[in-house]
Protein backbone atom coordinates (compact mmCIF):
# COMPACT_ATOMS: atom_id res chain seq x y z
CA UNK A 1 83.33 84.36 329.09
CA UNK A 2 83.02 86.07 325.73
CA UNK A 3 79.70 84.58 324.64
CA UNK A 4 76.30 86.19 325.24
CA UNK A 5 73.80 84.76 327.75
CA UNK A 6 70.52 83.22 326.62
CA UNK A 7 68.49 86.43 326.63
CA UNK A 8 71.05 87.98 324.29
CA UNK A 9 70.75 85.02 321.93
CA UNK A 10 67.04 85.75 321.67
CA UNK A 11 67.65 89.49 321.26
CA UNK A 12 70.01 88.78 318.36
CA UNK A 13 67.29 86.72 316.66
CA UNK A 14 65.15 89.87 316.68
CA UNK A 15 68.00 91.88 315.15
CA UNK A 16 68.74 93.71 318.40
CA UNK A 17 72.22 94.43 319.77
CA UNK A 18 73.63 92.58 322.76
CA UNK A 19 71.80 93.86 325.82
CA UNK A 20 73.86 96.18 328.00
CA UNK A 21 74.13 95.61 331.77
CA UNK A 22 71.72 97.70 333.80
CA UNK A 23 74.40 99.04 336.15
CA UNK A 24 76.64 100.34 333.36
CA UNK A 25 76.60 104.13 333.35
CA UNK A 26 75.63 105.81 330.09
CA UNK A 27 74.32 102.52 328.67
CA UNK A 28 71.57 102.95 326.06
CA UNK A 29 68.55 101.14 327.46
CA UNK A 30 66.20 102.03 324.62
CA UNK A 31 66.90 98.74 322.79
CA UNK A 32 66.77 96.62 325.92
CA UNK A 33 68.75 96.05 329.08
CA UNK A 34 70.06 93.08 331.05
CA UNK A 35 69.61 93.02 334.83
CA UNK A 36 71.15 89.59 335.35
CA UNK A 37 73.97 89.20 337.87
CA UNK A 38 75.96 86.04 338.58
CA UNK A 39 74.84 84.12 341.65
CA UNK A 40 71.50 85.91 342.00
CA UNK A 41 68.82 83.94 343.90
CA UNK A 42 65.04 84.27 343.86
CA UNK A 43 64.98 84.31 347.68
CA UNK A 44 66.50 87.40 349.32
CA UNK A 45 70.12 86.85 350.30
CA UNK A 46 69.60 87.67 353.98
CA UNK A 47 67.72 84.37 354.30
CA UNK A 48 70.77 82.37 353.24
CA UNK A 49 73.12 84.38 355.44
CA UNK A 50 70.80 84.43 358.46
CA UNK A 51 70.41 80.65 358.36
CA UNK A 52 74.13 80.00 357.76
CA UNK A 53 73.42 78.31 354.44
CA UNK A 54 76.35 80.08 352.82
CA UNK A 55 79.71 80.64 354.46
CA UNK A 56 80.67 83.64 352.35
CA UNK A 57 79.34 87.12 351.78
CA UNK A 58 76.78 87.25 349.00
CA UNK A 59 76.25 90.19 346.69
CA UNK A 60 72.96 91.96 347.23
CA UNK A 61 71.60 90.93 343.84
CA UNK A 62 68.49 88.84 344.47
CA UNK A 63 65.37 88.96 342.31
CA UNK A 64 63.75 91.66 344.44
CA UNK A 65 66.86 93.83 344.16
CA UNK A 66 66.93 93.43 340.38
CA UNK A 67 63.29 94.51 340.24
CA UNK A 68 64.33 97.62 342.16
CA UNK A 69 67.01 98.34 339.57
CA UNK A 70 64.36 97.94 336.88
CA UNK A 71 62.13 100.52 338.55
CA UNK A 72 65.03 102.96 338.82
CA UNK A 73 65.85 102.54 335.14
CA UNK A 74 62.25 102.66 333.93
CA UNK A 75 62.44 106.30 332.65
CA UNK A 76 65.59 105.55 330.64
CA UNK A 77 64.06 102.43 329.12
CA UNK A 78 61.09 104.50 327.94
CA UNK A 79 63.32 107.35 326.73
CA UNK A 80 61.54 109.65 329.21
CA UNK A 81 59.08 110.64 326.50
CA UNK A 82 55.90 108.91 327.60
CA UNK A 83 53.28 110.23 329.96
CA UNK A 84 51.49 106.90 330.27
CA UNK A 85 53.89 105.41 332.79
CA UNK A 86 55.78 103.43 330.14
CA UNK A 87 52.77 101.24 329.39
CA UNK A 88 52.95 101.94 325.66
CA UNK A 89 56.64 101.09 325.57
CA UNK A 90 56.31 98.00 327.75
CA UNK A 91 53.33 96.65 325.80
CA UNK A 92 55.68 96.13 322.85
CA UNK A 93 58.63 94.80 324.86
CA UNK A 94 59.66 91.21 325.54
CA UNK A 95 60.46 90.54 329.21
CA UNK A 96 62.55 87.61 330.45
CA UNK A 97 62.26 86.65 334.11
CA UNK A 98 65.00 84.17 334.86
CA UNK A 99 65.86 81.48 334.88
CA UNK A 100 65.68 81.89 338.65
CA UNK A 101 66.03 79.19 341.27
CA UNK A 102 69.30 77.67 340.11
CA UNK A 103 71.38 79.64 342.59
CA UNK A 104 68.93 79.12 345.45
CA UNK A 105 69.13 75.36 345.01
CA UNK A 106 72.89 75.39 344.43
CA UNK A 107 73.39 77.22 347.74
CA UNK A 108 71.28 74.60 349.51
CA UNK A 109 72.89 71.58 347.87
CA UNK A 110 76.40 72.88 348.55
CA UNK A 111 75.39 73.41 352.18
CA UNK A 112 74.71 69.69 352.43
CA UNK A 113 70.92 69.94 352.61
CA UNK A 114 68.90 66.80 351.92
CA UNK A 115 66.56 66.40 348.99
CA UNK A 116 63.55 66.98 351.25
CA UNK A 117 65.13 70.13 352.68
CA UNK A 118 65.83 71.52 349.22
CA UNK A 119 62.33 70.53 348.05
CA UNK A 120 60.83 72.51 350.92
CA UNK A 121 62.24 75.72 349.43
CA UNK A 122 60.74 75.22 345.96
CA UNK A 123 57.33 76.80 346.74
CA UNK A 124 59.00 79.97 348.04
CA UNK A 125 61.28 80.23 345.02
CA UNK A 126 58.36 79.79 342.63
CA UNK A 127 56.18 82.20 344.59
CA UNK A 128 58.85 84.91 344.30
CA UNK A 129 59.19 84.34 340.56
CA UNK A 130 55.43 84.49 340.07
CA UNK A 131 55.23 87.68 342.13
CA UNK A 132 57.89 89.27 339.94
CA UNK A 133 56.00 88.32 336.78
CA UNK A 134 52.77 89.69 338.23
CA UNK A 135 54.46 92.96 339.17
CA UNK A 136 55.79 93.42 335.65
CA UNK A 137 52.36 92.78 334.15
CA UNK A 138 50.75 95.27 336.51
CA UNK A 139 53.38 97.76 335.32
CA UNK A 140 52.43 97.30 331.69
CA UNK A 141 54.28 94.21 330.48
CA UNK A 142 52.34 92.17 327.91
CA UNK A 143 54.89 89.59 326.68
CA UNK A 144 56.74 87.78 329.47
CA UNK A 145 58.99 84.75 329.07
CA UNK A 146 59.57 82.68 332.21
CA UNK A 147 62.29 80.02 331.82
CA UNK A 148 62.27 76.95 334.02
CA UNK A 149 65.31 75.29 335.52
CA UNK A 150 67.74 73.11 333.55
CA UNK A 151 68.68 69.65 334.83
CA UNK A 152 71.08 70.78 337.56
CA UNK A 153 71.99 67.19 338.28
CA UNK A 154 73.79 67.09 334.93
CA UNK A 155 76.01 70.10 335.67
CA UNK A 156 79.76 69.59 336.17
CA UNK A 157 79.62 71.54 339.43
CA UNK A 158 77.08 69.22 341.03
CA UNK A 159 78.54 66.06 339.54
CA UNK A 160 81.96 66.97 340.94
CA UNK A 161 80.72 68.05 344.37
CA UNK A 162 78.67 64.88 344.87
CA UNK A 163 81.13 62.36 343.45
CA UNK A 164 82.17 59.64 345.86
CA UNK A 165 79.22 60.02 348.22
CA UNK A 166 77.54 56.74 349.16
CA UNK A 167 74.11 58.32 348.76
CA UNK A 168 74.76 59.50 345.22
CA UNK A 169 72.43 58.02 342.61
CA UNK A 170 72.85 58.45 338.86
CA UNK A 171 70.47 58.01 335.95
CA UNK A 172 71.31 56.34 332.64
CA UNK A 173 72.95 59.54 331.36
CA UNK A 174 75.19 59.84 334.41
CA UNK A 175 73.21 62.70 335.97
CA UNK A 176 72.24 63.01 339.65
CA UNK A 177 68.69 61.78 340.19
CA UNK A 178 67.81 63.64 343.40
CA UNK A 179 68.98 67.02 342.10
CA UNK A 180 67.06 66.57 338.87
CA UNK A 181 63.92 65.61 340.79
CA UNK A 182 64.05 69.00 342.49
CA UNK A 183 64.51 70.74 339.14
CA UNK A 184 61.50 68.92 337.70
CA UNK A 185 59.40 69.76 340.75
CA UNK A 186 60.39 73.41 340.41
CA UNK A 187 59.34 73.39 336.76
CA UNK A 188 56.03 71.71 337.55
CA UNK A 189 55.13 74.30 340.20
CA UNK A 190 56.28 77.12 337.95
CA UNK A 191 54.09 75.90 335.10
CA UNK A 192 51.11 75.78 337.45
CA UNK A 193 51.81 79.32 338.64
CA UNK A 194 51.97 80.54 335.05
CA UNK A 195 48.62 78.92 334.28
CA UNK A 196 47.15 80.72 337.28
CA UNK A 197 48.62 84.06 336.19
CA UNK A 198 47.26 83.60 332.68
CA UNK A 199 43.79 83.22 334.12
CA UNK A 200 44.09 86.47 336.07
CA UNK A 201 45.80 88.54 333.37
CA UNK A 202 44.22 87.54 330.09
CA UNK A 203 45.62 90.49 328.14
CA UNK A 204 49.16 89.30 328.87
CA UNK A 205 51.02 86.51 327.09
CA UNK A 206 53.07 84.54 329.60
CA UNK A 207 55.40 82.03 327.97
CA UNK A 208 56.90 79.09 329.84
CA UNK A 209 60.35 78.39 328.38
CA UNK A 210 61.37 74.80 329.05
CA UNK A 211 65.07 74.72 329.95
CA UNK A 212 65.09 71.13 331.18
CA UNK A 213 63.96 69.17 328.12
CA UNK A 214 66.37 70.81 325.61
CA UNK A 215 69.42 69.94 327.71
CA UNK A 216 68.21 66.37 328.11
CA UNK A 217 67.63 66.19 324.35
CA UNK A 218 71.23 67.24 323.69
CA UNK A 219 72.70 64.95 326.35
CA UNK A 220 70.81 61.93 325.04
CA UNK A 221 72.24 62.38 321.54
CA UNK A 222 75.36 64.53 321.92
CA UNK A 223 76.98 63.49 318.64
CA UNK A 224 74.01 64.91 316.73
CA UNK A 225 74.99 68.31 318.15
CA UNK A 226 78.71 67.96 317.52
CA UNK A 227 79.57 66.91 321.08
CA UNK A 228 81.62 63.80 321.85
CA UNK A 229 79.87 61.49 324.30
CA UNK A 230 82.91 61.61 326.59
CA UNK A 231 82.57 65.41 326.82
CA UNK A 232 78.80 65.63 327.23
CA UNK A 233 78.96 66.18 331.01
CA UNK A 234 82.32 67.98 331.09
CA UNK A 235 82.91 71.72 331.16
CA UNK A 236 84.83 73.37 328.34
CA UNK A 237 86.62 75.74 330.73
CA UNK A 238 88.00 74.28 333.94
CA UNK A 239 90.96 72.82 335.79
CA UNK A 240 90.73 69.10 335.16
CA UNK A 241 89.03 66.17 336.83
CA UNK A 242 86.34 63.83 335.49
CA UNK A 243 84.00 66.75 334.76
CA UNK A 244 86.70 69.43 334.25
CA UNK A 245 85.48 71.47 337.21
CA UNK A 246 87.42 72.39 340.33
CA UNK A 247 85.97 74.76 342.90
CA UNK A 248 89.46 76.03 343.72
CA UNK A 249 90.21 76.96 340.11
CA UNK A 250 87.00 77.83 338.34
CA UNK A 251 86.98 79.28 334.84
CA UNK A 252 88.81 82.61 334.79
CA UNK A 253 91.05 81.76 337.76
CA UNK A 254 94.72 80.70 337.61
CA UNK A 255 94.95 77.01 336.76
CA UNK A 256 91.82 76.90 334.64
CA UNK A 257 92.00 76.74 330.87
CA UNK A 258 89.39 76.76 328.11
CA UNK A 259 88.96 74.09 325.47
CA UNK A 260 89.87 74.92 321.88
CA UNK A 261 86.35 74.46 320.52
CA UNK A 262 83.55 75.46 322.92
CA UNK A 263 80.95 74.44 320.33
CA UNK A 264 81.98 70.83 320.94
CA UNK A 265 80.79 71.07 324.55
CA UNK A 266 77.38 71.44 326.16
CA UNK A 267 78.66 73.24 329.23
CA UNK A 268 81.02 76.20 329.31
CA UNK A 269 82.29 76.66 332.88
CA UNK A 270 80.52 74.08 335.03
CA UNK A 271 77.41 76.21 335.49
CA UNK A 272 76.64 78.09 332.27
CA UNK A 273 76.12 76.63 328.83
CA UNK A 274 78.17 77.27 325.71
CA UNK A 275 77.15 79.63 322.95
CA UNK A 276 76.28 76.64 320.78
CA UNK A 277 73.97 75.16 323.42
CA UNK A 278 72.33 78.51 324.07
CA UNK A 279 71.81 78.94 320.34
CA UNK A 280 69.93 75.64 320.05
CA UNK A 281 67.75 76.48 323.02
CA UNK A 282 67.04 80.01 321.80
CA UNK A 283 65.81 78.58 318.48
CA UNK A 284 63.62 76.05 320.27
CA UNK A 285 62.14 78.74 322.49
CA UNK A 286 61.49 81.03 319.55
CA UNK A 287 60.03 78.47 317.17
CA UNK A 288 59.15 75.48 319.34
CA UNK A 289 58.87 72.86 320.59
CA UNK A 290 60.27 73.87 323.98
CA UNK A 291 58.23 76.99 324.73
CA UNK A 292 54.56 77.23 325.60
CA UNK A 293 53.63 79.00 323.39
CA UNK A 294 56.65 79.48 321.07
CA UNK A 295 57.80 83.09 321.26
CA UNK A 296 57.57 83.77 317.52
CA UNK A 297 53.98 82.53 317.41
CA UNK A 298 52.75 85.35 319.62
CA UNK A 299 55.29 88.19 319.61
CA UNK A 300 55.00 90.75 316.82
CA UNK A 301 57.88 93.11 316.04
């Protein structure tokens, strides 16, 4: 996967280099750093393992662990020159927290949990995200972007895994209705939590970045974005099938191949979006209308 994730799209708009991974030794963190790890949940991984929700060993990379990495790297981010606990540095930085929750819900859906069972986890996921945002603000963060969840029911992974089930219901775009209801509920609770945090921390600017609406906008009019209607719900990189996703041969594994033109697809590998899709969303988050408030309306650099 040679294309940068969403946070790097935004960094590039500010003229910054691609953000280096936090665990890379000798990486220059002074221009920013990326703590994201594939498969990371908002809920600690021992919960999923203890309750037999996943049948494989998870990496210890949950939100709380990433916050620990951030604390360890704090001196390097601030160039070790400040005596004010990095507050001066962090007051001028732009923090992204997420999107989190996607992996939590994916684990639950793939474990065969019902909609009600998945819904019951949403408050905990949102609470953990809100706690992370609050911790960053207490540590000096002023500008914090909190993305919501995309419509997971439109992802090739979910569409493939649920195909053929008698209980499967689709909307007019061909997306899974129950999975998208959970995503919308997550976003609603997350918005409410952000409003609450804004009331408690008035010096901070907490931005809700809508991930759901932009994807729906693209899927409802794919040709406007250079995507054929037949490919709107298919992955660019995969191993065939109606949605070009196969759990036994995911992108990067033997048997999977990439399309010639990723820009003509919404989805890259069944889970992540293409560079073109991320570029549209980054612009909409920076300038509106899918960020509250738009990043460029409040961030000065």
